[in-house]
PDB file of N, CA and C in Angstrom:
ATOM      1  N   MET A   1     -53.014  78.145 118.253  1.00  0.00           N
ATOM      2  CA  MET A   1     -51.768  78.635 118.790  1.00  0.00           C
ATOM      3  C   MET A   1     -50.627  77.878 118.104  1.00  0.00           C
ATOM      4  N   LYS A   2     -49.666  78.635 117.631  1.00  0.00           N
ATOM      5  CA  LYS A   2     -48.467  78.035 117.067  1.00  0.00           C
ATOM      6  C   LYS A   2     -47.320  78.280 118.035  1.00  0.00           C
ATOM      7  N   LYS A   3     -46.455  77.296 118.144  1.00  0.00           N
ATOM      8  CA  LYS A   3     -45.276  77.452 118.990  1.00  0.00           C
ATOM      9  C   LYS A   3     -44.132  77.963 118.128  1.00  0.00           C
ATOM     10  N   ARG A   4     -43.428  78.973 118.646  1.00  0.00           N
ATOM     11  CA  ARG A   4     -42.313  79.550 117.911  1.00  0.00           C
ATOM     12  C   ARG A   4     -41.180  79.804 118.879  1.00  0.00           C
ATOM     13  N   LYS A   5     -40.002  79.323 118.544  1.00  0.00           N
ATOM     14  CA  LYS A   5     -38.848  79.501 119.412  1.00  0.00           C
ATOM     15  C   LYS A   5     -38.052  80.707 118.916  1.00  0.00           C
ATOM     16  N   VAL A   6     -37.896  81.697 119.786  1.00  0.00           N
ATOM     17  CA  VAL A   6     -37.176  82.916 119.448  1.00  0.00           C
ATOM     18  C   VAL A   6     -36.192  83.204 120.572  1.00  0.00           C
ATOM     19  N   GLY A   7     -34.923  83.172 120.251  1.00  0.00           N
ATOM     20  CA  GLY A   7     -33.895  83.510 121.237  1.00  0.00           C
ATOM     21  C   GLY A   7     -33.879  82.600 122.446  1.00  0.00           C
ATOM     22  N   GLY A   8     -34.144  81.323 122.270  1.00  0.00           N
ATOM     23  CA  GLY A   8     -34.115  80.381 123.369  1.00  0.00           C
ATOM     24  C   GLY A   8     -35.411  80.305 124.163  1.00  0.00           C
ATOM     25  N   THR A   9     -36.386  81.143 123.834  1.00  0.00           N
ATOM     26  CA  THR A   9     -37.675  81.131 124.521  1.00  0.00           C
ATOM     27  C   THR A   9     -38.756  80.692 123.545  1.00  0.00           C
ATOM     28  N   THR A  10     -39.620  79.804 123.989  1.00  0.00           N
ATOM     29  CA  THR A  10     -40.706  79.328 123.148  1.00  0.00           C
ATOM     30  C   THR A  10     -41.969  80.113 123.471  1.00  0.00           C
ATOM     31  N   TYR A  11     -42.545  80.725 122.431  1.00  0.00           N
ATOM     32  CA  TYR A  11     -43.760  81.505 122.585  1.00  0.00           C
ATOM     33  C   TYR A  11     -44.920  80.765 121.926  1.00  0.00           C
ATOM     34  N   GLN A  12     -46.101  80.903 122.508  1.00  0.00           N
ATOM     35  CA  GLN A  12     -47.308  80.412 121.860  1.00  0.00           C
ATOM     36  C   GLN A  12     -47.960  81.601 121.188  1.00  0.00           C
ATOM     37  N   ILE A  13     -48.033  81.545 119.859  1.00  0.00           N
ATOM     38  CA  ILE A  13     -48.488  82.684 119.087  1.00  0.00           C
ATOM     39  C   ILE A  13     -49.885  82.392 118.538  1.00  0.00           C
ATOM     40  N   PRO A  14     -50.852  83.274 118.813  1.00  0.00           N
ATOM     41  CA  PRO A  14     -52.183  83.071 118.235  1.00  0.00           C
ATOM     42  C   PRO A  14     -52.182  83.417 116.754  1.00  0.00           C
ATOM     43  N   TYR A  15     -52.935  82.652 115.987  1.00  0.00           N
ATOM     44  CA  TYR A  15     -53.058  82.933 114.557  1.00  0.00           C
ATOM     45  C   TYR A  15     -54.473  82.604 114.113  1.00  0.00           C
ATOM     46  N   LEU A  16     -54.872  83.187 113.010  1.00  0.00           N
ATOM     47  CA  LEU A  16     -56.205  82.999 112.472  1.00  0.00           C
ATOM     48  C   LEU A  16     -56.233  81.715 111.657  1.00  0.00           C
ATOM     49  N   VAL A  17     -57.194  80.842 111.951  1.00  0.00           N
ATOM     50  CA  VAL A  17     -57.303  79.563 111.263  1.00  0.00           C
ATOM     51  C   VAL A  17     -58.189  79.753 110.038  1.00  0.00           C
ATOM     52  N   GLN A  18     -57.563  79.859 108.884  1.00  0.00           N
ATOM     53  CA  GLN A  18     -58.312  79.998 107.642  1.00  0.00           C
ATOM     54  C   GLN A  18     -57.578  79.268 106.536  1.00  0.00           C
ATOM     55  N   ASN A  19     -58.346  78.689 105.650  1.00  0.00           N
ATOM     56  CA  ASN A  19     -57.814  78.028 104.478  1.00  0.00           C
ATOM     57  C   ASN A  19     -58.892  78.112 103.419  1.00  0.00           C
ATOM     58  N   LYS A  20     -58.528  78.526 102.224  1.00  0.00           N
ATOM     59  CA  LYS A  20     -59.541  78.716 101.189  1.00  0.00           C
ATOM     60  C   LYS A  20     -60.136  77.399 100.713  1.00  0.00           C
ATOM     61  N   GLU A  21     -59.347  76.322 100.656  1.00  0.00           N
ATOM     62  CA  GLU A  21     -59.853  75.040 100.183  1.00  0.00           C
ATOM     63  C   GLU A  21     -60.668  74.323 101.251  1.00  0.00           C
ATOM     64  N   LYS A  22     -60.224  74.398 102.494  1.00  0.00           N
ATOM     65  CA  LYS A  22     -60.882  73.690 103.594  1.00  0.00           C
ATOM     66  C   LYS A  22     -61.251  74.693 104.671  1.00  0.00           C
ATOM     67  N   ASP A  23     -62.324  74.405 105.366  1.00  0.00           N
ATOM     68  CA  ASP A  23     -62.697  75.255 106.489  1.00  0.00           C
ATOM     69  C   ASP A  23     -62.174  74.597 107.760  1.00  0.00           C
ATOM     70  N   ASN A  24     -60.921  74.878 108.080  1.00  0.00           N
ATOM     71  CA  ASN A  24     -60.271  74.247 109.225  1.00  0.00           C
ATOM     72  C   ASN A  24     -60.922  74.633 110.544  1.00  0.00           C
ATOM     73  N   SER A  25     -61.475  75.824 110.630  1.00  0.00           N
ATOM     74  CA  SER A  25     -62.105  76.238 111.883  1.00  0.00           C
ATOM     75  C   SER A  25     -63.321  75.375 112.188  1.00  0.00           C
ATOM     76  N   ALA A  26     -64.071  75.003 111.159  1.00  0.00           N
ATOM     77  CA  ALA A  26     -65.222  74.117 111.372  1.00  0.00           C
ATOM     78  C   ALA A  26     -64.750  72.723 111.778  1.00  0.00           C
ATOM     79  N   LEU A  27     -63.659  72.249 111.194  1.00  0.00           N
ATOM     80  CA  LEU A  27     -63.125  70.943 111.567  1.00  0.00           C
ATOM     81  C   LEU A  27     -62.665  70.924 113.023  1.00  0.00           C
ATOM     82  N   ILE A  28     -62.042  72.003 113.461  1.00  0.00           N
ATOM     83  CA  ILE A  28     -61.598  72.087 114.846  1.00  0.00           C
ATOM     84  C   ILE A  28     -62.800  72.104 115.782  1.00  0.00           C
ATOM     85  N   ALA A  29     -63.832  72.860 115.418  1.00  0.00           N
ATOM     86  CA  ALA A  29     -65.033  72.925 116.260  1.00  0.00           C
ATOM     87  C   ALA A  29     -65.724  71.565 116.358  1.00  0.00           C
ATOM     88  N   ILE A  30     -65.794  70.840 115.257  1.00  0.00           N
ATOM     89  CA  ILE A  30     -66.406  69.509 115.271  1.00  0.00           C
ATOM     90  C   ILE A  30     -65.572  68.551 116.113  1.00  0.00           C
ATOM     91  N   ARG A  31     -64.260  68.652 116.013  1.00  0.00           N
ATOM     92  CA  ARG A  31     -63.381  67.798 116.813  1.00  0.00           C
ATOM     93  C   ARG A  31     -63.568  68.063 118.301  1.00  0.00           C
ATOM     94  N   TRP A  32     -63.656  69.345 118.696  1.00  0.00           N
ATOM     95  CA  TRP A  32     -63.885  69.684 120.096  1.00  0.00           C
ATOM     96  C   TRP A  32     -65.237  69.169 120.560  1.00  0.00           C
ATOM     97  N   LEU A  33     -66.247  69.300 119.707  1.00  0.00           N
ATOM     98  CA  LEU A  33     -67.580  68.836 120.066  1.00  0.00           C
ATOM     99  C   LEU A  33     -67.595  67.322 120.257  1.00  0.00           C
ATOM    100  N   MET A  34     -66.971  66.591 119.364  1.00  0.00           N
ATOM    101  CA  MET A  34     -66.959  65.129 119.482  1.00  0.00           C
ATOM    102  C   MET A  34     -66.148  64.672 120.698  1.00  0.00           C
ATOM    103  N   ASN A  35     -65.052  65.343 120.996  1.00  0.00           N
ATOM    104  CA  ASN A  35     -64.296  64.995 122.202  1.00  0.00           C
ATOM    105  C   ASN A  35     -65.109  65.237 123.459  1.00  0.00           C
ATOM    106  N   SER A  36     -65.874  66.314 123.475  1.00  0.00           N
ATOM    107  CA  SER A  36     -66.705  66.582 124.644  1.00  0.00           C
ATOM    108  C   SER A  36     -67.869  65.612 124.728  1.00  0.00           C
ATOM    109  N   VAL A  37     -68.377  65.145 123.593  1.00  0.00           N
ATOM    110  CA  VAL A  37     -69.448  64.142 123.590  1.00  0.00           C
ATOM    111  C   VAL A  37     -68.922  62.830 124.180  1.00  0.00           C
ATOM    112  N   LEU A  38     -67.729  62.449 123.822  1.00  0.00           N
ATOM    113  CA  LEU A  38     -67.168  61.189 124.315  1.00  0.00           C
ATOM    114  C   LEU A  38     -66.825  61.249 125.801  1.00  0.00           C
ATOM    115  N   ARG A  39     -66.647  62.445 126.358  1.00  0.00           N
ATOM    116  CA  ARG A  39     -66.336  62.591 127.778  1.00  0.00           C
ATOM    117  C   ARG A  39     -67.582  62.517 128.661  1.00  0.00           C
ATOM    118  N   ARG A  40     -68.742  62.669 128.075  1.00  0.00           N
ATOM    119  CA  ARG A  40     -69.969  62.684 128.874  1.00  0.00           C
ATOM    120  C   ARG A  40     -70.294  61.292 129.396  1.00  0.00           C
ATOM    121  N   SER A  41     -71.179  61.234 130.405  1.00  0.00           N
ATOM    122  CA  SER A  41     -71.428  59.964 131.083  1.00  0.00           C
ATOM    123  C   SER A  41     -72.782  59.328 130.739  1.00  0.00           C
ATOM    124  N   GLU A  42     -73.534  59.886 129.809  1.00  0.00           N
ATOM    125  CA  GLU A  42     -74.803  59.268 129.448  1.00  0.00           C
ATOM    126  C   GLU A  42     -74.554  57.920 128.772  1.00  0.00           C
ATOM    127  N   PRO A  43     -75.505  56.996 128.878  1.00  0.00           N
ATOM    128  CA  PRO A  43     -75.264  55.647 128.350  1.00  0.00           C
ATOM    129  C   PRO A  43     -75.245  55.567 126.817  1.00  0.00           C
ATOM    130  N   LYS A  44     -76.064  56.348 126.130  1.00  0.00           N
ATOM    131  CA  LYS A  44     -76.135  56.263 124.672  1.00  0.00           C
ATOM    132  C   LYS A  44     -75.443  57.462 124.031  1.00  0.00           C
ATOM    133  N   LEU A  45     -74.821  57.194 122.897  1.00  0.00           N
ATOM    134  CA  LEU A  45     -74.112  58.244 122.175  1.00  0.00           C
ATOM    135  C   LEU A  45     -75.067  59.329 121.695  1.00  0.00           C
ATOM    136  N   GLU A  46     -76.284  58.935 121.296  1.00  0.00           N
ATOM    137  CA  GLU A  46     -77.259  59.912 120.812  1.00  0.00           C
ATOM    138  C   GLU A  46     -77.638  60.895 121.920  1.00  0.00           C
ATOM    139  N   GLU A  47     -77.797  60.372 123.136  1.00  0.00           N
ATOM    140  CA  GLU A  47     -78.136  61.234 124.270  1.00  0.00           C
ATOM    141  C   GLU A  47     -76.988  62.190 124.582  1.00  0.00           C
ATOM    142  N   ARG A  48     -75.763  61.674 124.536  1.00  0.00           N
ATOM    143  CA  ARG A  48     -74.602  62.519 124.800  1.00  0.00           C
ATOM    144  C   ARG A  48     -74.507  63.657 123.798  1.00  0.00           C
ATOM    145  N   LEU A  49     -74.682  63.311 122.519  1.00  0.00           N
ATOM    146  CA  LEU A  49     -74.601  64.326 121.469  1.00  0.00           C
ATOM    147  C   LEU A  49     -75.710  65.351 121.619  1.00  0.00           C
ATOM    148  N   ALA A  50     -76.926  64.899 121.894  1.00  0.00           N
ATOM    149  CA  ALA A  50     -78.044  65.822 122.063  1.00  0.00           C
ATOM    150  C   ALA A  50     -77.818  66.760 123.241  1.00  0.00           C
ATOM    151  N   HIS A  51     -77.367  66.220 124.362  1.00  0.00           N
ATOM    152  CA  HIS A  51     -77.141  67.058 125.534  1.00  0.00           C
ATOM    153  C   HIS A  51     -75.974  68.026 125.321  1.00  0.00           C
ATOM    154  N   GLU A  52     -74.958  67.590 124.621  1.00  0.00           N
ATOM    155  CA  GLU A  52     -73.826  68.492 124.368  1.00  0.00           C
ATOM    156  C   GLU A  52     -74.228  69.609 123.406  1.00  0.00           C
ATOM    157  N   LEU A  53     -75.052  69.307 122.412  1.00  0.00           N
ATOM    158  CA  LEU A  53     -75.529  70.349 121.506  1.00  0.00           C
ATOM    159  C   LEU A  53     -76.412  71.353 122.236  1.00  0.00           C
ATOM    160  N   VAL A  54     -77.244  70.870 123.140  1.00  0.00           N
ATOM    161  CA  VAL A  54     -78.071  71.780 123.945  1.00  0.00           C
ATOM    162  C   VAL A  54     -77.183  72.628 124.845  1.00  0.00           C
ATOM    163  N   ASP A  55     -76.179  72.022 125.455  1.00  0.00           N
ATOM    164  CA  ASP A  55     -75.254  72.780 126.296  1.00  0.00           C
ATOM    165  C   ASP A  55     -74.489  73.821 125.476  1.00  0.00           C
ATOM    166  N   ALA A  56     -74.073  73.461 124.277  1.00  0.00           N
ATOM    167  CA  ALA A  56     -73.359  74.407 123.421  1.00  0.00           C
ATOM    168  C   ALA A  56     -74.272  75.572 123.029  1.00  0.00           C
ATOM    169  N   PHE A  57     -75.537  75.265 122.781  1.00  0.00           N
ATOM    170  CA  PHE A  57     -76.490  76.318 122.448  1.00  0.00           C
ATOM    171  C   PHE A  57     -76.688  77.272 123.631  1.00  0.00           C
ATOM    172  N   ASN A  58     -76.658  76.736 124.841  1.00  0.00           N
ATOM    173  CA  ASN A  58     -76.812  77.542 126.054  1.00  0.00           C
ATOM    174  C   ASN A  58     -75.489  78.108 126.563  1.00  0.00           C
ATOM    175  N   ARG A  59     -74.436  77.969 125.777  1.00  0.00           N
ATOM    176  CA  ARG A  59     -73.086  78.429 126.129  1.00  0.00           C
ATOM    177  C   ARG A  59     -72.585  77.797 127.418  1.00  0.00           C
ATOM    178  N   GLU A  60     -72.776  76.494 127.509  1.00  0.00           N
ATOM    179  CA  GLU A  60     -72.271  75.698 128.620  1.00  0.00           C
ATOM    180  C   GLU A  60     -71.550  74.498 128.016  1.00  0.00           C
ATOM    181  N   GLY A  61     -71.023  73.638 128.850  1.00  0.00           N
ATOM    182  CA  GLY A  61     -70.412  72.411 128.368  1.00  0.00           C
ATOM    183  C   GLY A  61     -68.926  72.543 128.134  1.00  0.00           C
ATOM    184  N   TYR A  62     -68.304  71.393 127.889  1.00  0.00           N
ATOM    185  CA  TYR A  62     -66.853  71.328 127.772  1.00  0.00           C
ATOM    186  C   TYR A  62     -66.335  72.004 126.504  1.00  0.00           C
ATOM    187  N   SER A  63     -67.027  71.840 125.382  1.00  0.00           N
ATOM    188  CA  SER A  63     -66.531  72.406 124.124  1.00  0.00           C
ATOM    189  C   SER A  63     -66.532  73.932 124.162  1.00  0.00           C
ATOM    190  N   VAL A  64     -67.544  74.524 124.768  1.00  0.00           N
ATOM    191  CA  VAL A  64     -67.598  75.986 124.882  1.00  0.00           C
ATOM    192  C   VAL A  64     -66.543  76.467 125.863  1.00  0.00           C
ATOM    193  N   LYS A  65     -66.345  75.726 126.955  1.00  0.00           N
ATOM    194  CA  LYS A  65     -65.312  76.092 127.923  1.00  0.00           C
ATOM    195  C   LYS A  65     -63.928  76.054 127.277  1.00  0.00           C
ATOM    196  N   ARG A  66     -63.699  75.051 126.449  1.00  0.00           N
ATOM    197  CA  ARG A  66     -62.409  74.943 125.779  1.00  0.00           C
ATOM    198  C   ARG A  66     -62.193  76.112 124.813  1.00  0.00           C
ATOM    199  N   LYS A  67     -63.239  76.495 124.089  1.00  0.00           N
ATOM    200  CA  LYS A  67     -63.145  77.619 123.171  1.00  0.00           C
ATOM    201  C   LYS A  67     -62.836  78.904 123.918  1.00  0.00           C
ATOM    202  N   LEU A  68     -63.520  79.133 125.034  1.00  0.00           N
ATOM    203  CA  LEU A  68     -63.295  80.350 125.808  1.00  0.00           C
ATOM    204  C   LEU A  68     -61.908  80.372 126.445  1.00  0.00           C
ATOM    205  N   ASP A  69     -61.427  79.220 126.889  1.00  0.00           N
ATOM    206  CA  ASP A  69     -60.074  79.145 127.449  1.00  0.00           C
ATOM    207  C   ASP A  69     -59.019  79.462 126.393  1.00  0.00           C
ATOM    208  N   LEU A  70     -59.198  78.928 125.197  1.00  0.00           N
ATOM    209  CA  LEU A  70     -58.249  79.193 124.121  1.00  0.00           C
ATOM    210  C   LEU A  70     -58.295  80.655 123.700  1.00  0.00           C
ATOM    211  N   TYR A  71     -59.486  81.248 123.698  1.00  0.00           N
ATOM    212  CA  TYR A  71     -59.620  82.656 123.364  1.00  0.00           C
ATOM    213  C   TYR A  71     -58.913  83.524 124.401  1.00  0.00           C
ATOM    214  N   ALA A  72     -59.066  83.190 125.677  1.00  0.00           N
ATOM    215  CA  ALA A  72     -58.393  83.949 126.732  1.00  0.00           C
ATOM    216  C   ALA A  72     -56.875  83.822 126.611  1.00  0.00           C
ATOM    217  N   LEU A  73     -56.392  82.631 126.277  1.00  0.00           N
ATOM    218  CA  LEU A  73     -54.957  82.436 126.092  1.00  0.00           C
ATOM    219  C   LEU A  73     -54.445  83.230 124.892  1.00  0.00           C
ATOM    220  N   ALA A  74     -55.227  83.285 123.830  1.00  0.00           N
ATOM    221  CA  ALA A  74     -54.840  84.058 122.646  1.00  0.00           C
ATOM    222  C   ALA A  74     -54.781  85.552 122.966  1.00  0.00           C
ATOM    223  N   LEU A  75     -55.718  86.036 123.779  1.00  0.00           N
ATOM    224  CA  LEU A  75     -55.683  87.448 124.165  1.00  0.00           C
ATOM    225  C   LEU A  75     -54.459  87.765 125.006  1.00  0.00           C
ATOM    226  N   GLN A  76     -54.063  86.846 125.878  1.00  0.00           N
ATOM    227  CA  GLN A  76     -52.881  87.074 126.704  1.00  0.00           C
ATOM    228  C   GLN A  76     -51.611  87.086 125.865  1.00  0.00           C
ATOM    229  N   ASN A  77     -51.568  86.266 124.821  1.00  0.00           N
ATOM    230  CA  ASN A  77     -50.343  86.115 124.030  1.00  0.00           C
ATOM    231  C   ASN A  77     -50.367  86.904 122.732  1.00  0.00           C
ATOM    232  N   ARG A  78     -51.292  87.816 122.557  1.00  0.00           N
ATOM    233  CA  ARG A  78     -51.363  88.537 121.289  1.00  0.00           C
ATOM    234  C   ARG A  78     -50.181  89.472 121.069  1.00  0.00           C
ATOM    235  N   VAL A  79     -49.436  89.807 122.115  1.00  0.00           N
ATOM    236  CA  VAL A  79     -48.263  90.661 121.937  1.00  0.00           C
ATOM    237  C   VAL A  79     -47.154  89.927 121.187  1.00  0.00           C
ATOM    238  N   TYR A  80     -47.223  88.608 121.143  1.00  0.00           N
ATOM    239  CA  TYR A  80     -46.184  87.824 120.475  1.00  0.00           C
ATOM    240  C   TYR A  80     -46.471  87.578 118.995  1.00  0.00           C
ATOM    241  N   THR A  81     -47.521  88.175 118.452  1.00  0.00           N
ATOM    242  CA  THR A  81     -47.826  87.958 117.035  1.00  0.00           C
ATOM    243  C   THR A  81     -46.749  88.530 116.128  1.00  0.00           C
ATOM    244  N   LYS A  82     -45.923  89.416 116.649  1.00  0.00           N
ATOM    245  CA  LYS A  82     -44.828  89.955 115.841  1.00  0.00           C
ATOM    246  C   LYS A  82     -43.823  88.867 115.470  1.00  0.00           C
ATOM    247  N   TYR A  83     -43.775  87.781 116.260  1.00  0.00           N
ATOM    248  CA  TYR A  83     -42.853  86.691 115.971  1.00  0.00           C
ATOM    249  C   TYR A  83     -43.424  85.696 114.961  1.00  0.00           C
ATOM    250  N   LEU A  84     -44.654  85.860 114.566  1.00  0.00           N
ATOM    251  CA  LEU A  84     -45.288  84.920 113.642  1.00  0.00           C
ATOM    252  C   LEU A  84     -44.655  84.968 112.265  1.00  0.00           C
ATOM    253  N   PHE A  85     -44.224  86.145 111.840  1.00  0.00           N
ATOM    254  CA  PHE A  85     -43.721  86.319 110.492  1.00  0.00           C
ATOM    255  C   PHE A  85     -42.203  86.447 110.419  1.00  0.00           C
ATOM    256  N   THR A  86     -41.520  86.253 111.541  1.00  0.00           N
ATOM    257  CA  THR A  86     -40.050  86.332 111.520  1.00  0.00           C
ATOM    258  C   THR A  86     -39.488  84.989 111.094  1.00  0.00           C
ATOM    259  N   THR A  87     -38.337  85.028 110.490  1.00  0.00           N
ATOM    260  CA  THR A  87     -37.665  83.800 110.085  1.00  0.00           C
ATOM    261  C   THR A  87     -36.586  83.489 111.116  1.00  0.00           C
ATOM    262  N   SER A  88     -36.372  82.223 111.372  1.00  0.00           N
ATOM    263  CA  SER A  88     -35.352  81.836 112.343  1.00  0.00           C
ATOM    264  C   SER A  88     -33.994  81.816 111.687  1.00  0.00           C
ATOM    265  N   ARG A  89     -33.006  82.252 112.422  1.00  0.00           N
ATOM    266  CA  ARG A  89     -31.627  82.280 111.912  1.00  0.00           C
ATOM    267  C   ARG A  89     -30.900  81.039 112.375  1.00  0.00           C
ATOM    268  N   LYS A  90     -30.118  80.446 111.488  1.00  0.00           N
ATOM    269  CA  LYS A  90     -29.366  79.249 111.844  1.00  0.00           C
ATOM    270  C   LYS A  90     -27.891  79.469 111.633  1.00  0.00           C
TER     271      LYS A  90
END
């Protein structure tokens, strides 16, 4: 989501994360996965990572919930994509 201010109102605009040199979408997914691993309460990091990967495979866990929440927000705000390519006037 990108923030764009148009006419005094700030909109959150969904956009496609792509870059030919880097795969930013994979970096974002890894970042979400590692943040969810660090939030877990198991004593060892290996156990946390293993359980989070199993939860992600079963479509459970914090990282999957975060992805689904962001997807729902993008669907709600898709009408504002027209503001993605406008230039701001000063």
